[in-house]
Amino acid sequence: VSPGTAGARVRVVNPLDDQTLLVNAAQSIDFGGFNLIMAGAGSDDAPAQTLYQYSDERLLPAVNDLILFLGEGTPELVDTPIDGIDITVTLGVNFADRIEAERASPPLPQPPCEPQS
């Protein structure tokens, strides 16, 4: 759970087996200035694309901002709000693939250290 900010209140559902994905998602949400209210495993199959559900049309700009931090997905306006939650994110296979690609990429080269005089 992140410290309170003026950002949207986010719930993350991870239906994938890799629980480190929740850590990656939580870090991205926090870095983006959103409030992580709840995160946990889901029992349904993972969607191919991450799903961003929101119940108020005024939240679409926040959803689009969240997509910048978590990656591509499908925004979906839903009829039933969850009290205290603005956006529910269900991590998709594409999120897992993106994280796996980041893990597999070589680290950036570090500039040589120059001795201090």
N, C-alpha and C. Protein backbone atom coordinates (compact mmCIF):
# COMPACT_ATOMS: atom_id res chain seq x y z
N VAL A 1 0.85 -1.18 0.00
CA VAL A 1 0.00 0.00 0.00
C VAL A 1 0.89 1.23 0.00
N SER A 2 0.57 2.18 -0.87
CA SER A 2 1.41 3.37 -0.97
C SER A 2 0.89 4.50 -0.10
N PRO A 3 1.77 5.44 0.21
CA PRO A 3 1.33 6.60 0.99
C PRO A 3 0.32 7.41 0.19
N GLY A 4 -0.58 8.07 0.89
CA GLY A 4 -1.62 8.82 0.24
C GLY A 4 -1.10 9.99 -0.57
N THR A 5 -1.58 10.10 -1.80
CA THR A 5 -1.28 11.23 -2.67
C THR A 5 -2.60 11.68 -3.29
N ALA A 6 -2.53 12.65 -4.16
CA ALA A 6 -3.73 13.13 -4.84
C ALA A 6 -4.09 12.24 -6.02
N GLY A 7 -3.29 11.22 -6.30
CA GLY A 7 -3.52 10.34 -7.45
C GLY A 7 -4.70 9.41 -7.23
N ALA A 8 -5.10 8.78 -8.33
CA ALA A 8 -6.21 7.82 -8.30
C ALA A 8 -5.89 6.65 -7.38
N ARG A 9 -6.95 6.07 -6.80
CA ARG A 9 -6.81 4.91 -5.91
C ARG A 9 -6.91 3.64 -6.75
N VAL A 10 -5.87 2.80 -6.66
CA VAL A 10 -5.73 1.67 -7.56
C VAL A 10 -5.72 0.35 -6.79
N ARG A 11 -6.41 -0.62 -7.36
CA ARG A 11 -6.39 -2.00 -6.88
C ARG A 11 -5.77 -2.83 -7.99
N VAL A 12 -4.83 -3.72 -7.65
CA VAL A 12 -4.18 -4.57 -8.64
C VAL A 12 -4.53 -6.03 -8.36
N VAL A 13 -4.96 -6.72 -9.40
CA VAL A 13 -5.24 -8.15 -9.32
C VAL A 13 -4.23 -8.85 -10.22
N ASN A 14 -3.54 -9.84 -9.65
CA ASN A 14 -2.53 -10.59 -10.40
C ASN A 14 -2.97 -12.04 -10.53
N PRO A 15 -3.56 -12.41 -11.68
CA PRO A 15 -3.97 -13.80 -11.86
C PRO A 15 -2.84 -14.70 -12.37
N LEU A 16 -1.65 -14.15 -12.48
CA LEU A 16 -0.50 -14.91 -12.98
C LEU A 16 0.24 -15.55 -11.81
N ASP A 17 1.01 -16.58 -12.10
CA ASP A 17 1.70 -17.32 -11.04
C ASP A 17 2.87 -16.57 -10.43
N ASP A 18 3.47 -15.65 -11.15
CA ASP A 18 4.67 -14.95 -10.70
C ASP A 18 4.28 -13.78 -9.78
N GLN A 19 4.48 -13.95 -8.49
CA GLN A 19 4.09 -12.91 -7.52
C GLN A 19 5.02 -11.69 -7.56
N THR A 20 6.20 -11.83 -8.17
CA THR A 20 7.06 -10.66 -8.29
C THR A 20 6.46 -9.62 -9.23
N LEU A 21 5.49 -10.04 -10.05
CA LEU A 21 4.81 -9.08 -10.92
C LEU A 21 4.05 -8.05 -10.11
N LEU A 22 3.51 -8.47 -8.96
CA LEU A 22 2.84 -7.51 -8.08
C LEU A 22 3.82 -6.46 -7.58
N VAL A 23 5.03 -6.88 -7.28
CA VAL A 23 6.05 -5.93 -6.81
C VAL A 23 6.37 -4.93 -7.92
N ASN A 24 6.55 -5.44 -9.15
CA ASN A 24 6.83 -4.55 -10.27
C ASN A 24 5.68 -3.58 -10.49
N ALA A 25 4.46 -4.08 -10.44
CA ALA A 25 3.29 -3.21 -10.64
C ALA A 25 3.19 -2.18 -9.53
N ALA A 26 3.41 -2.60 -8.29
CA ALA A 26 3.32 -1.67 -7.16
C ALA A 26 4.36 -0.56 -7.28
N GLN A 27 5.57 -0.90 -7.69
CA GLN A 27 6.61 0.11 -7.86
C GLN A 27 6.23 1.11 -8.94
N SER A 28 5.69 0.62 -10.04
CA SER A 28 5.28 1.50 -11.14
C SER A 28 4.14 2.41 -10.72
N ILE A 29 3.19 1.86 -9.99
CA ILE A 29 2.04 2.64 -9.52
C ILE A 29 2.51 3.74 -8.57
N ASP A 30 3.39 3.39 -7.65
CA ASP A 30 3.91 4.37 -6.71
C ASP A 30 4.72 5.45 -7.43
N PHE A 31 5.57 5.02 -8.36
CA PHE A 31 6.39 5.97 -9.12
C PHE A 31 5.52 6.94 -9.91
N GLY A 32 4.37 6.46 -10.38
CA GLY A 32 3.45 7.29 -11.15
C GLY A 32 2.62 8.24 -10.32
N GLY A 33 2.71 8.15 -8.99
CA GLY A 33 1.96 9.05 -8.12
C GLY A 33 0.54 8.59 -7.84
N PHE A 34 0.26 7.33 -8.10
CA PHE A 34 -1.05 6.77 -7.80
C PHE A 34 -1.05 6.18 -6.40
N ASN A 35 -2.22 5.92 -5.86
CA ASN A 35 -2.35 5.31 -4.53
C ASN A 35 -2.70 3.84 -4.68
N LEU A 36 -1.79 2.96 -4.30
CA LEU A 36 -2.07 1.53 -4.32
C LEU A 36 -2.84 1.21 -3.05
N ILE A 37 -4.09 0.86 -3.21
CA ILE A 37 -4.97 0.58 -2.08
C ILE A 37 -4.95 -0.90 -1.73
N MET A 38 -4.93 -1.75 -2.76
CA MET A 38 -5.01 -3.19 -2.54
C MET A 38 -4.30 -3.92 -3.68
N ALA A 39 -3.60 -5.00 -3.35
CA ALA A 39 -2.95 -5.83 -4.36
C ALA A 39 -3.04 -7.27 -3.92
N GLY A 40 -3.35 -8.15 -4.84
CA GLY A 40 -3.45 -9.55 -4.49
C GLY A 40 -3.60 -10.44 -5.71
N ALA A 41 -3.62 -11.73 -5.45
CA ALA A 41 -3.76 -12.72 -6.51
C ALA A 41 -5.22 -12.83 -6.93
N GLY A 42 -5.42 -13.16 -8.17
CA GLY A 42 -6.77 -13.37 -8.69
C GLY A 42 -6.97 -14.83 -9.04
N SER A 43 -8.21 -15.25 -9.08
CA SER A 43 -8.50 -16.65 -9.33
C SER A 43 -8.86 -16.92 -10.79
N ASP A 44 -9.15 -15.88 -11.55
CA ASP A 44 -9.51 -16.06 -12.95
C ASP A 44 -8.26 -16.22 -13.80
N ASP A 45 -8.47 -16.66 -15.04
CA ASP A 45 -7.36 -16.72 -15.98
C ASP A 45 -6.89 -15.32 -16.32
N ALA A 46 -5.62 -15.19 -16.59
CA ALA A 46 -5.06 -13.88 -16.94
C ALA A 46 -5.53 -13.48 -18.33
N PRO A 47 -5.94 -12.22 -18.48
CA PRO A 47 -6.29 -11.76 -19.83
C PRO A 47 -5.02 -11.61 -20.67
N ALA A 48 -5.17 -11.62 -21.98
CA ALA A 48 -4.02 -11.43 -22.86
C ALA A 48 -3.43 -10.04 -22.66
N GLN A 49 -4.29 -9.04 -22.54
CA GLN A 49 -3.89 -7.65 -22.32
C GLN A 49 -4.30 -7.24 -20.92
N THR A 50 -3.48 -6.44 -20.27
CA THR A 50 -3.84 -5.90 -18.96
C THR A 50 -5.16 -5.16 -19.08
N LEU A 51 -6.02 -5.33 -18.08
CA LEU A 51 -7.35 -4.75 -18.09
C LEU A 51 -7.41 -3.63 -17.06
N TYR A 52 -7.86 -2.46 -17.48
CA TYR A 52 -8.00 -1.28 -16.61
C TYR A 52 -9.49 -0.96 -16.49
N GLN A 53 -10.09 -1.29 -15.34
CA GLN A 53 -11.52 -1.06 -15.14
C GLN A 53 -11.73 0.16 -14.25
N TYR A 54 -12.65 1.01 -14.68
CA TYR A 54 -12.98 2.23 -13.94
C TYR A 54 -14.48 2.46 -14.08
N SER A 55 -15.09 3.17 -13.12
CA SER A 55 -16.54 3.31 -13.11
C SER A 55 -17.02 4.74 -13.34
N ASP A 56 -16.10 5.66 -13.56
CA ASP A 56 -16.47 7.05 -13.77
C ASP A 56 -15.69 7.57 -14.96
N GLU A 57 -16.40 8.10 -15.95
CA GLU A 57 -15.76 8.58 -17.17
C GLU A 57 -14.67 9.61 -16.90
N ARG A 58 -14.82 10.35 -15.80
CA ARG A 58 -13.82 11.37 -15.46
C ARG A 58 -12.47 10.76 -15.10
N LEU A 59 -12.42 9.45 -14.88
CA LEU A 59 -11.17 8.77 -14.52
C LEU A 59 -10.37 8.32 -15.74
N LEU A 60 -10.92 8.47 -16.94
CA LEU A 60 -10.20 8.01 -18.13
C LEU A 60 -8.83 8.66 -18.28
N PRO A 61 -8.64 9.96 -18.02
CA PRO A 61 -7.28 10.51 -18.08
C PRO A 61 -6.32 9.83 -17.10
N ALA A 62 -6.80 9.49 -15.91
CA ALA A 62 -5.95 8.78 -14.94
C ALA A 62 -5.63 7.37 -15.44
N VAL A 63 -6.60 6.72 -16.06
CA VAL A 63 -6.36 5.39 -16.64
C VAL A 63 -5.28 5.49 -17.72
N ASN A 64 -5.40 6.49 -18.59
CA ASN A 64 -4.40 6.66 -19.65
C ASN A 64 -3.02 6.95 -19.07
N ASP A 65 -2.95 7.71 -17.98
CA ASP A 65 -1.67 7.94 -17.31
C ASP A 65 -1.12 6.65 -16.72
N LEU A 66 -1.98 5.86 -16.12
CA LEU A 66 -1.56 4.59 -15.52
C LEU A 66 -1.02 3.64 -16.58
N ILE A 67 -1.62 3.67 -17.77
CA ILE A 67 -1.14 2.85 -18.87
C ILE A 67 0.30 3.21 -19.23
N LEU A 68 0.66 4.47 -19.08
CA LEU A 68 2.04 4.88 -19.36
C LEU A 68 3.03 4.19 -18.42
N PHE A 69 2.59 3.88 -17.20
CA PHE A 69 3.48 3.28 -16.20
C PHE A 69 3.42 1.76 -16.19
N LEU A 70 2.26 1.18 -16.50
CA LEU A 70 2.10 -0.28 -16.44
C LEU A 70 2.12 -0.94 -17.81
N GLY A 71 1.95 -0.18 -18.85
CA GLY A 71 1.99 -0.75 -20.19
C GLY A 71 0.62 -0.89 -20.81
N GLU A 72 0.64 -1.26 -22.07
CA GLU A 72 -0.58 -1.36 -22.86
C GLU A 72 -1.64 -2.22 -22.19
N GLY A 73 -2.86 -1.89 -22.51
CA GLY A 73 -3.97 -2.65 -21.96
C GLY A 73 -5.28 -2.13 -22.49
N THR A 74 -6.35 -2.69 -21.94
CA THR A 74 -7.70 -2.37 -22.38
C THR A 74 -8.43 -1.61 -21.29
N PRO A 75 -8.75 -0.32 -21.52
CA PRO A 75 -9.59 0.40 -20.57
C PRO A 75 -11.04 -0.07 -20.72
N GLU A 76 -11.72 -0.25 -19.59
CA GLU A 76 -13.11 -0.71 -19.62
C GLU A 76 -13.92 0.05 -18.57
N LEU A 77 -14.94 0.76 -19.05
CA LEU A 77 -15.86 1.45 -18.16
C LEU A 77 -16.85 0.42 -17.63
N VAL A 78 -16.93 0.29 -16.30
CA VAL A 78 -17.81 -0.71 -15.68
C VAL A 78 -18.95 -0.01 -14.95
N ASP A 79 -20.04 -0.72 -14.76
CA ASP A 79 -21.23 -0.16 -14.12
C ASP A 79 -21.16 -0.14 -12.60
N THR A 80 -20.41 -1.07 -12.02
CA THR A 80 -20.41 -1.23 -10.58
C THR A 80 -19.10 -0.74 -9.97
N PRO A 81 -19.12 0.38 -9.27
CA PRO A 81 -17.89 0.85 -8.62
C PRO A 81 -17.55 0.00 -7.39
N ILE A 82 -16.29 0.00 -7.04
CA ILE A 82 -15.85 -0.62 -5.79
C ILE A 82 -15.54 0.52 -4.85
N ASP A 83 -16.17 0.53 -3.69
CA ASP A 83 -16.00 1.62 -2.74
C ASP A 83 -14.53 1.81 -2.38
N GLY A 84 -14.02 3.02 -2.55
CA GLY A 84 -12.64 3.34 -2.20
C GLY A 84 -11.63 3.04 -3.28
N ILE A 85 -12.07 2.52 -4.42
CA ILE A 85 -11.18 2.17 -5.53
C ILE A 85 -11.61 2.95 -6.76
N ASP A 86 -10.66 3.61 -7.41
CA ASP A 86 -10.97 4.32 -8.65
C ASP A 86 -10.73 3.45 -9.88
N ILE A 87 -9.64 2.69 -9.85
CA ILE A 87 -9.24 1.87 -11.00
C ILE A 87 -8.82 0.49 -10.51
N THR A 88 -9.38 -0.55 -11.13
CA THR A 88 -8.93 -1.91 -10.86
C THR A 88 -8.13 -2.38 -12.06
N VAL A 89 -6.90 -2.81 -11.80
CA VAL A 89 -6.01 -3.28 -12.86
C VAL A 89 -5.86 -4.79 -12.69
N THR A 90 -6.19 -5.53 -13.75
CA THR A 90 -5.94 -6.97 -13.78
C THR A 90 -4.77 -7.19 -14.72
N LEU A 91 -3.65 -7.63 -14.15
CA LEU A 91 -2.44 -7.81 -14.94
C LEU A 91 -2.65 -8.87 -16.00
N GLY A 92 -2.20 -8.55 -17.21
CA GLY A 92 -2.34 -9.47 -18.33
C GLY A 92 -1.03 -10.14 -18.69
N VAL A 93 -1.13 -11.07 -19.60
CA VAL A 93 0.05 -11.79 -20.09
C VAL A 93 1.05 -10.81 -20.69
N ASN A 94 0.56 -9.75 -21.33
CA ASN A 94 1.47 -8.76 -21.91
C ASN A 94 2.32 -8.07 -20.85
N PHE A 95 1.78 -7.87 -19.65
CA PHE A 95 2.56 -7.27 -18.56
C PHE A 95 3.70 -8.22 -18.16
N ALA A 96 3.37 -9.49 -18.01
CA ALA A 96 4.38 -10.49 -17.65
C ALA A 96 5.45 -10.58 -18.74
N ASP A 97 5.05 -10.53 -20.00
CA ASP A 97 6.02 -10.60 -21.10
C ASP A 97 6.95 -9.39 -21.08
N ARG A 98 6.39 -8.21 -20.81
CA ARG A 98 7.21 -7.00 -20.77
C ARG A 98 8.24 -7.07 -19.64
N ILE A 99 7.80 -7.51 -18.45
CA ILE A 99 8.71 -7.63 -17.31
C ILE A 99 9.80 -8.67 -17.60
N GLU A 100 9.42 -9.78 -18.21
CA GLU A 100 10.39 -10.82 -18.55
C GLU A 100 11.42 -10.29 -19.55
N ALA A 101 10.99 -9.50 -20.51
CA ALA A 101 11.91 -8.92 -21.49
C ALA A 101 12.87 -7.94 -20.80
N GLU A 102 12.36 -7.17 -19.83
CA GLU A 102 13.23 -6.25 -19.09
C GLU A 102 14.26 -7.01 -18.27
N ARG A 103 13.85 -8.12 -17.66
CA ARG A 103 14.78 -8.94 -16.88
C ARG A 103 15.86 -9.54 -17.77
N ALA A 104 15.52 -9.90 -19.00
CA ALA A 104 16.45 -10.57 -19.90
C ALA A 104 17.39 -9.60 -20.60
N SER A 105 17.04 -8.33 -20.62
CA SER A 105 17.90 -7.37 -21.34
C SER A 105 19.15 -7.10 -20.53
N PRO A 106 20.28 -6.92 -21.23
CA PRO A 106 21.53 -6.66 -20.49
C PRO A 106 21.47 -5.31 -19.79
N PRO A 107 22.17 -5.17 -18.67
CA PRO A 107 22.18 -3.88 -17.98
C PRO A 107 22.88 -2.82 -18.82
N LEU A 108 22.51 -1.59 -18.59
CA LEU A 108 23.15 -0.48 -19.29
C LEU A 108 24.59 -0.36 -18.83
N PRO A 109 25.50 -0.04 -19.76
CA PRO A 109 26.90 0.11 -19.35
C PRO A 109 27.06 1.31 -18.42
N GLN A 110 27.91 1.15 -17.45
CA GLN A 110 28.18 2.22 -16.49
C GLN A 110 29.38 3.01 -16.97
N PRO A 111 29.32 4.35 -16.87
CA PRO A 111 30.49 5.14 -17.26
C PRO A 111 31.65 4.83 -16.32
N PRO A 112 32.88 4.93 -16.83
CA PRO A 112 34.02 4.66 -15.96
C PRO A 112 34.09 5.70 -14.84
N CYS A 113 34.51 5.24 -13.70
CA CYS A 113 34.67 6.15 -12.55
C CYS A 113 36.02 6.84 -12.66
N GLU A 114 36.01 8.11 -12.50
CA GLU A 114 37.26 8.86 -12.52
C GLU A 114 37.70 9.10 -11.08
N PRO A 115 38.98 8.94 -10.82
CA PRO A 115 39.44 9.16 -9.44
C PRO A 115 39.25 10.62 -9.02
N GLN A 116 38.87 10.77 -7.78
CA GLN A 116 38.70 12.11 -7.21
C GLN A 116 40.07 12.67 -6.85
N SER A 117 40.31 13.93 -7.14
CA SER A 117 41.60 14.51 -6.76
C SER A 117 41.47 15.47 -5.62
